[in-house]
Amino acid sequence: MATASLVLTDDSTLSKLDQALLRVERFLALLSGLAVFSLMVLAVVSVSGRNALNQPLPGYVDWIEQAMPLIAFMGISYVMREGGHIRMDIVVGALRGRVLYLVELITTLCVLALMVLMVWGTWAHFDRSFDFAAPMWSRDSSMDIALPIWPAKLLAPVAFATLCLRLCLQVWAFARGVVTGHAVAVPLIADAAKQAQMEADQLKDEN
């Protein structure tokens, strides 16, 4: 399960790279949030048009299809950095120190290998759709208003490549933690007292 996590920083090159990548991840997560908001606006326009003018928004489903990769993929690297993805903490949560970092290093390497394959596969899927010589550079289009599909297909390898960069940093961080006994730039599970303090600090910032 997902738990509250803590990402430590310092003056090392690793931490600086983490902060630089975090800015990119926040921007991609913002795009994902804007896509959700845009779909809400489109839904209001479509329903209002149907009820008031008997004319829904043309291509509403097509626009939903285009926005789905933004919603589904663009925030995954940011969530990975913050330790927000669902996982089983029954065993890992009981580990501490170098043993914890070693286990995290192994699992992160496995995830990185999987995501490299995902980047390769999704890029091949995009490449089959994209063609400079075709109208709107696209070999395929949506069913209703013929939107080119390649922009939506490109979002998946972009998001997965960003996640691969995050995973590479985490592999570096956990390997460093195995050697030094101290990890930065990775989400560490906070104990109950730390979680309570983090929640209190968040409420204080909001006020």
C-alpha atoms as a PDB file:
ATOM      1  CA  MET A   1       0.000   0.000   0.000  1.00  0.00           C
ATOM      2  CA  ALA A   2       1.056   3.606  -0.425  1.00  0.00           C
ATOM      3  CA  THR A   3       2.264   5.377   2.690  1.00  0.00           C
ATOM      4  CA  ALA A   4       3.521   8.815   3.574  1.00  0.00           C
ATOM      5  CA  SER A   5       7.112   9.188   2.447  1.00  0.00           C
ATOM      6  CA  LEU A   6       9.988  11.545   2.963  1.00  0.00           C
ATOM      7  CA  VAL A   7      12.529  12.576   0.306  1.00  0.00           C
ATOM      8  CA  LEU A   8      15.790  13.840   1.758  1.00  0.00           C
ATOM      9  CA  THR A   9      18.043  16.332  -0.019  1.00  0.00           C
ATOM     10  CA  ASP A  10      21.617  17.545   0.377  1.00  0.00           C
ATOM     11  CA  ASP A  11      24.284  19.395  -1.623  1.00  0.00           C
ATOM     12  CA  SER A  12      25.393  16.387  -3.663  1.00  0.00           C
ATOM     13  CA  THR A  13      25.261  16.138  -7.446  1.00  0.00           C
ATOM     14  CA  LEU A  14      22.636  13.407  -7.083  1.00  0.00           C
ATOM     15  CA  SER A  15      20.353  15.670  -5.090  1.00  0.00           C
ATOM     16  CA  LYS A  16      20.809  18.549  -7.547  1.00  0.00           C
ATOM     17  CA  LEU A  17      19.887  16.269 -10.446  1.00  0.00           C
ATOM     18  CA  ASP A  18      16.892  15.095  -8.444  1.00  0.00           C
ATOM     19  CA  GLN A  19      15.703  18.683  -7.970  1.00  0.00           C
ATOM     20  CA  ALA A  20      16.215  19.470 -11.663  1.00  0.00           C
ATOM     21  CA  LEU A  21      14.227  16.431 -12.759  1.00  0.00           C
ATOM     22  CA  LEU A  22      11.567  17.252 -10.171  1.00  0.00           C
ATOM     23  CA  ARG A  23      10.867  20.542 -11.955  1.00  0.00           C
ATOM     24  CA  VAL A  24      10.228  18.632 -15.190  1.00  0.00           C
ATOM     25  CA  GLU A  25       8.044  16.119 -13.366  1.00  0.00           C
ATOM     26  CA  ARG A  26       5.979  18.851 -11.761  1.00  0.00           C
ATOM     27  CA  PHE A  27       5.412  20.454 -15.160  1.00  0.00           C
ATOM     28  CA  LEU A  28       4.244  17.133 -16.627  1.00  0.00           C
ATOM     29  CA  ALA A  29       1.982  16.564 -13.623  1.00  0.00           C
ATOM     30  CA  LEU A  30       0.559  20.059 -14.155  1.00  0.00           C
ATOM     31  CA  LEU A  31      -0.227  19.163 -17.766  1.00  0.00           C
ATOM     32  CA  SER A  32      -2.021  16.074 -16.519  1.00  0.00           C
ATOM     33  CA  GLY A  33      -4.109  18.150 -14.123  1.00  0.00           C
ATOM     34  CA  LEU A  34      -4.947  20.657 -16.858  1.00  0.00           C
ATOM     35  CA  ALA A  35      -6.070  17.783 -19.078  1.00  0.00           C
ATOM     36  CA  VAL A  36      -8.493  16.632 -16.387  1.00  0.00           C
ATOM     37  CA  PHE A  37      -9.839  20.165 -16.026  1.00  0.00           C
ATOM     38  CA  SER A  38     -10.164  20.519 -19.803  1.00  0.00           C
ATOM     39  CA  LEU A  39     -12.219  17.337 -20.009  1.00  0.00           C
ATOM     40  CA  MET A  40     -14.535  18.724 -17.338  1.00  0.00           C
ATOM     41  CA  VAL A  41     -14.994  21.885 -19.410  1.00  0.00           C
ATOM     42  CA  LEU A  42     -15.610  19.855 -22.561  1.00  0.00           C
ATOM     43  CA  ALA A  43     -18.205  17.768 -20.735  1.00  0.00           C
ATOM     44  CA  VAL A  44     -20.049  20.902 -19.621  1.00  0.00           C
ATOM     45  CA  VAL A  45     -19.967  22.325 -23.160  1.00  0.00           C
ATOM     46  CA  SER A  46     -21.124  19.056 -24.707  1.00  0.00           C
ATOM     47  CA  VAL A  47     -23.980  18.481 -22.262  1.00  0.00           C
ATOM     48  CA  SER A  48     -25.063  22.129 -22.415  1.00  0.00           C
ATOM     49  CA  GLY A  49     -25.056  22.044 -26.201  1.00  0.00           C
ATOM     50  CA  ARG A  50     -27.069  18.847 -26.260  1.00  0.00           C
ATOM     51  CA  ASN A  51     -29.699  20.164 -23.827  1.00  0.00           C
ATOM     52  CA  ALA A  52     -29.903  23.770 -25.042  1.00  0.00           C
ATOM     53  CA  LEU A  53     -29.285  23.465 -28.786  1.00  0.00           C
ATOM     54  CA  ASN A  54     -29.738  19.740 -29.402  1.00  0.00           C
ATOM     55  CA  GLN A  55     -26.174  19.819 -30.693  1.00  0.00           C
ATOM     56  CA  PRO A  56     -23.435  18.184 -28.568  1.00  0.00           C
ATOM     57  CA  LEU A  57     -19.782  19.079 -28.996  1.00  0.00           C
ATOM     58  CA  PRO A  58     -18.501  17.518 -32.246  1.00  0.00           C
ATOM     59  CA  GLY A  59     -15.750  14.971 -31.669  1.00  0.00           C
ATOM     60  CA  TYR A  60     -16.188  14.892 -27.885  1.00  0.00           C
ATOM     61  CA  VAL A  61     -15.102  11.252 -27.686  1.00  0.00           C
ATOM     62  CA  ASP A  62     -12.135  11.978 -29.971  1.00  0.00           C
ATOM     63  CA  TRP A  63     -10.894  14.707 -27.652  1.00  0.00           C
ATOM     64  CA  ILE A  64     -11.283  12.362 -24.674  1.00  0.00           C
ATOM     65  CA  GLU A  65      -9.117   9.796 -26.460  1.00  0.00           C
ATOM     66  CA  GLN A  66      -6.454  12.445 -27.105  1.00  0.00           C
ATOM     67  CA  ALA A  67      -6.430  13.530 -23.449  1.00  0.00           C
ATOM     68  CA  MET A  68      -6.304  10.049 -21.920  1.00  0.00           C
ATOM     69  CA  PRO A  69      -2.505   9.620 -22.205  1.00  0.00           C
ATOM     70  CA  LEU A  70      -2.042  13.016 -20.535  1.00  0.00           C
ATOM     71  CA  ILE A  71      -4.203  11.924 -17.624  1.00  0.00           C
ATOM     72  CA  ALA A  72      -2.890   8.371 -17.360  1.00  0.00           C
ATOM     73  CA  PHE A  73       0.858   8.742 -17.921  1.00  0.00           C
ATOM     74  CA  MET A  74       2.243  12.246 -17.492  1.00  0.00           C
ATOM     75  CA  GLY A  75       2.238  12.237 -13.697  1.00  0.00           C
ATOM     76  CA  ILE A  76       3.732   8.799 -13.084  1.00  0.00           C
ATOM     77  CA  SER A  77       7.336   9.965 -12.704  1.00  0.00           C
ATOM     78  CA  TYR A  78       6.355  12.654 -10.181  1.00  0.00           C
ATOM     79  CA  VAL A  79       4.355  10.109  -8.174  1.00  0.00           C
ATOM     80  CA  MET A  80       7.333   7.725  -8.303  1.00  0.00           C
ATOM     81  CA  ARG A  81       9.586  10.423  -6.895  1.00  0.00           C
ATOM     82  CA  GLU A  82       7.158  11.102  -4.048  1.00  0.00           C
ATOM     83  CA  GLY A  83       6.644   7.396  -3.296  1.00  0.00           C
ATOM     84  CA  GLY A  84       2.936   7.578  -4.071  1.00  0.00           C
ATOM     85  CA  HIS A  85       2.499   4.447  -6.184  1.00  0.00           C
ATOM     86  CA  ILE A  86       0.680   1.525  -4.581  1.00  0.00           C
ATOM     87  CA  ARG A  87       3.018  -1.210  -3.390  1.00  0.00           C
ATOM     88  CA  MET A  88       3.300  -3.883  -0.697  1.00  0.00           C
ATOM     89  CA  ASP A  89       5.133  -2.538   2.361  1.00  0.00           C
ATOM     90  CA  ILE A  90       4.631  -5.533   4.641  1.00  0.00           C
ATOM     91  CA  VAL A  91       8.214  -6.742   4.147  1.00  0.00           C
ATOM     92  CA  VAL A  92       9.971  -3.619   2.918  1.00  0.00           C
ATOM     93  CA  GLY A  93       8.445  -1.502   5.683  1.00  0.00           C
ATOM     94  CA  ALA A  94      10.118  -3.731   8.280  1.00  0.00           C
ATOM     95  CA  LEU A  95      13.599  -3.302   6.794  1.00  0.00           C
ATOM     96  CA  ARG A  96      16.065  -0.603   7.776  1.00  0.00           C
ATOM     97  CA  GLY A  97      19.429   0.751   6.709  1.00  0.00           C
ATOM     98  CA  ARG A  98      21.577  -0.923   4.083  1.00  0.00           C
ATOM     99  CA  VAL A  99      19.327  -3.987   3.836  1.00  0.00           C
ATOM    100  CA  LEU A 100      16.387  -1.747   2.934  1.00  0.00           C
ATOM    101  CA  TYR A 101      18.453   0.117   0.337  1.00  0.00           C
ATOM    102  CA  LEU A 102      19.666  -3.155  -1.178  1.00  0.00           C
ATOM    103  CA  VAL A 103      16.119  -4.508  -1.542  1.00  0.00           C
ATOM    104  CA  GLU A 104      14.954  -1.197  -2.988  1.00  0.00           C
ATOM    105  CA  LEU A 105      17.904  -1.217  -5.400  1.00  0.00           C
ATOM    106  CA  ILE A 106      16.986  -4.675  -6.697  1.00  0.00           C
ATOM    107  CA  THR A 107      13.298  -3.857  -7.150  1.00  0.00           C
ATOM    108  CA  THR A 108      14.083  -0.505  -8.783  1.00  0.00           C
ATOM    109  CA  LEU A 109      16.403  -2.217 -11.274  1.00  0.00           C
ATOM    110  CA  CYS A 110      13.585  -4.617 -12.157  1.00  0.00           C
ATOM    111  CA  VAL A 111      11.154  -1.741 -12.692  1.00  0.00           C
ATOM    112  CA  LEU A 112      13.748   0.125 -14.779  1.00  0.00           C
ATOM    113  CA  ALA A 113      14.229  -2.892 -17.040  1.00  0.00           C
ATOM    114  CA  LEU A 114      10.471  -3.131 -17.536  1.00  0.00           C
ATOM    115  CA  MET A 115      10.126   0.583 -18.298  1.00  0.00           C
ATOM    116  CA  VAL A 116      12.956   0.505 -20.851  1.00  0.00           C
ATOM    117  CA  LEU A 117      10.972  -2.169 -22.682  1.00  0.00           C
ATOM    118  CA  MET A 118       7.849  -0.022 -22.377  1.00  0.00           C
ATOM    119  CA  VAL A 119       9.662   2.958 -23.911  1.00  0.00           C
ATOM    120  CA  TRP A 120      10.818   0.783 -26.788  1.00  0.00           C
ATOM    121  CA  GLY A 121       7.334  -0.643 -27.368  1.00  0.00           C
ATOM    122  CA  THR A 122       5.416   2.630 -27.104  1.00  0.00           C
ATOM    123  CA  TRP A 123       7.904   4.417 -29.360  1.00  0.00           C
ATOM    124  CA  ALA A 124       7.437   1.680 -31.987  1.00  0.00           C
ATOM    125  CA  HIS A 125       3.663   2.146 -31.628  1.00  0.00           C
ATOM    126  CA  PHE A 126       4.073   5.898 -32.184  1.00  0.00           C
ATOM    127  CA  ASP A 127       6.418   5.349 -35.125  1.00  0.00           C
ATOM    128  CA  ARG A 128       3.810   3.225 -36.891  1.00  0.00           C
ATOM    129  CA  SER A 129       1.366   6.146 -36.632  1.00  0.00           C
ATOM    130  CA  PHE A 130       3.691   9.025 -37.585  1.00  0.00           C
ATOM    131  CA  ASP A 131       4.577   9.804 -41.197  1.00  0.00           C
ATOM    132  CA  PHE A 132       6.009  13.102 -42.488  1.00  0.00           C
ATOM    133  CA  ALA A 133       4.616  12.364 -45.960  1.00  0.00           C
ATOM    134  CA  ALA A 134       1.027  11.801 -44.768  1.00  0.00           C
ATOM    135  CA  PRO A 135      -1.627  14.490 -44.212  1.00  0.00           C
ATOM    136  CA  MET A 136      -1.150  15.973 -40.713  1.00  0.00           C
ATOM    137  CA  TRP A 137       1.869  13.621 -40.436  1.00  0.00           C
ATOM    138  CA  SER A 138      -0.452  10.786 -39.472  1.00  0.00           C
ATOM    139  CA  ARG A 139      -1.188   7.330 -40.861  1.00  0.00           C
ATOM    140  CA  ASP A 140      -4.256   7.000 -38.647  1.00  0.00           C
ATOM    141  CA  SER A 141      -6.869   9.300 -37.147  1.00  0.00           C
ATOM    142  CA  SER A 142      -9.819   9.330 -34.772  1.00  0.00           C
ATOM    143  CA  MET A 143     -13.188   8.010 -35.880  1.00  0.00           C
ATOM    144  CA  ASP A 144     -15.402  11.107 -35.632  1.00  0.00           C
ATOM    145  CA  ILE A 145     -13.542  14.300 -36.579  1.00  0.00           C
ATOM    146  CA  ALA A 146     -10.328  12.660 -37.874  1.00  0.00           C
ATOM    147  CA  LEU A 147      -7.885  14.031 -35.330  1.00  0.00           C
ATOM    148  CA  PRO A 148      -4.336  12.703 -35.876  1.00  0.00           C
ATOM    149  CA  ILE A 149      -3.575  10.107 -33.211  1.00  0.00           C
ATOM    150  CA  TRP A 150       0.232  10.305 -33.217  1.00  0.00           C
ATOM    151  CA  PRO A 151       0.413  13.177 -30.649  1.00  0.00           C
ATOM    152  CA  ALA A 152      -1.423  11.031 -28.109  1.00  0.00           C
ATOM    153  CA  LYS A 153       0.767   8.039 -28.929  1.00  0.00           C
ATOM    154  CA  LEU A 154       3.920  10.149 -28.485  1.00  0.00           C
ATOM    155  CA  LEU A 155       2.959  11.061 -24.909  1.00  0.00           C
ATOM    156  CA  ALA A 156       3.445   7.502 -23.648  1.00  0.00           C
ATOM    157  CA  PRO A 157       7.153   7.121 -24.563  1.00  0.00           C
ATOM    158  CA  VAL A 158       7.823  10.679 -23.340  1.00  0.00           C
ATOM    159  CA  ALA A 159       6.259   9.928 -19.958  1.00  0.00           C
ATOM    160  CA  PHE A 160       7.942   6.524 -19.698  1.00  0.00           C
ATOM    161  CA  ALA A 161      11.335   7.985 -20.677  1.00  0.00           C
ATOM    162  CA  THR A 162      10.963  10.562 -17.894  1.00  0.00           C
ATOM    163  CA  LEU A 163      10.167   7.747 -15.495  1.00  0.00           C
ATOM    164  CA  CYS A 164      13.294   5.903 -16.683  1.00  0.00           C
ATOM    165  CA  LEU A 165      15.385   8.960 -15.817  1.00  0.00           C
ATOM    166  CA  ARG A 166      13.788   9.010 -12.358  1.00  0.00           C
ATOM    167  CA  LEU A 167      14.477   5.297 -11.913  1.00  0.00           C
ATOM    168  CA  CYS A 168      18.111   5.761 -12.965  1.00  0.00           C
ATOM    169  CA  LEU A 169      18.503   8.435 -10.281  1.00  0.00           C
ATOM    170  CA  GLN A 170      16.888   6.143  -7.737  1.00  0.00           C
ATOM    171  CA  VAL A 171      19.198   3.261  -8.684  1.00  0.00           C
ATOM    172  CA  TRP A 172      22.129   5.629  -8.122  1.00  0.00           C
ATOM    173  CA  ALA A 173      20.642   6.811  -4.822  1.00  0.00           C
ATOM    174  CA  PHE A 174      19.961   3.326  -3.464  1.00  0.00           C
ATOM    175  CA  ALA A 175      23.408   2.082  -4.541  1.00  0.00           C
ATOM    176  CA  ARG A 176      24.898   5.079  -2.743  1.00  0.00           C
ATOM    177  CA  GLY A 177      22.769   4.227   0.265  1.00  0.00           C
ATOM    178  CA  VAL A 178      24.072   0.652   0.306  1.00  0.00           C
ATOM    179  CA  VAL A 179      27.629   1.986   0.405  1.00  0.00           C
ATOM    180  CA  THR A 180      27.186   4.932   2.787  1.00  0.00           C
ATOM    181  CA  GLY A 181      24.152   3.857   4.823  1.00  0.00           C
ATOM    182  CA  HIS A 182      22.399   7.145   3.981  1.00  0.00           C
ATOM    183  CA  ALA A 183      20.050   7.726   1.034  1.00  0.00           C
ATOM    184  CA  VAL A 184      18.901  10.973  -0.557  1.00  0.00           C
ATOM    185  CA  ALA A 185      16.626  11.721  -3.520  1.00  0.00           C
ATOM    186  CA  VAL A 186      14.462   8.655  -2.868  1.00  0.00           C
ATOM    187  CA  PRO A 187      11.155   8.288  -0.982  1.00  0.00           C
ATOM    188  CA  LEU A 188      11.741   6.872   2.483  1.00  0.00           C
ATOM    189  CA  ILE A 189       8.862   5.500   4.521  1.00  0.00           C
ATOM    190  CA  ALA A 190       8.123   7.804   7.461  1.00  0.00           C
ATOM    191  CA  ASP A 191       7.169   6.449  10.869  1.00  0.00           C
ATOM    192  CA  ALA A 192       3.880   7.393  12.534  1.00  0.00           C
ATOM    193  CA  ALA A 193       5.357  10.366  14.390  1.00  0.00           C
ATOM    194  CA  LYS A 194       6.972  11.741  11.242  1.00  0.00           C
ATOM    195  CA  GLN A 195       3.766  11.259   9.248  1.00  0.00           C
ATOM    196  CA  ALA A 196       1.842  13.226  11.875  1.00  0.00           C
ATOM    197  CA  GLN A 197       4.441  15.995  11.776  1.00  0.00           C
ATOM    198  CA  MET A 198       4.297  16.137   7.968  1.00  0.00           C
ATOM    199  CA  GLU A 199       0.497  16.384   8.041  1.00  0.00           C
ATOM    200  CA  ALA A 200       0.669  19.135  10.660  1.00  0.00           C
ATOM    201  CA  ASP A 201       3.224  21.057   8.604  1.00  0.00           C
ATOM    202  CA  GLN A 202       1.021  20.731   5.509  1.00  0.00           C
ATOM    203  CA  LEU A 203      -2.007  22.100   7.358  1.00  0.00           C
ATOM    204  CA  LYS A 204       0.136  24.920   8.733  1.00  0.00           C
ATOM    205  CA  ASP A 205       1.315  25.830   5.219  1.00  0.00           C
ATOM    206  CA  GLU A 206      -2.257  25.842   3.912  1.00  0.00           C
ATOM    207  CA  ASN A 207      -3.338  28.214   6.678  1.00  0.00           C
END
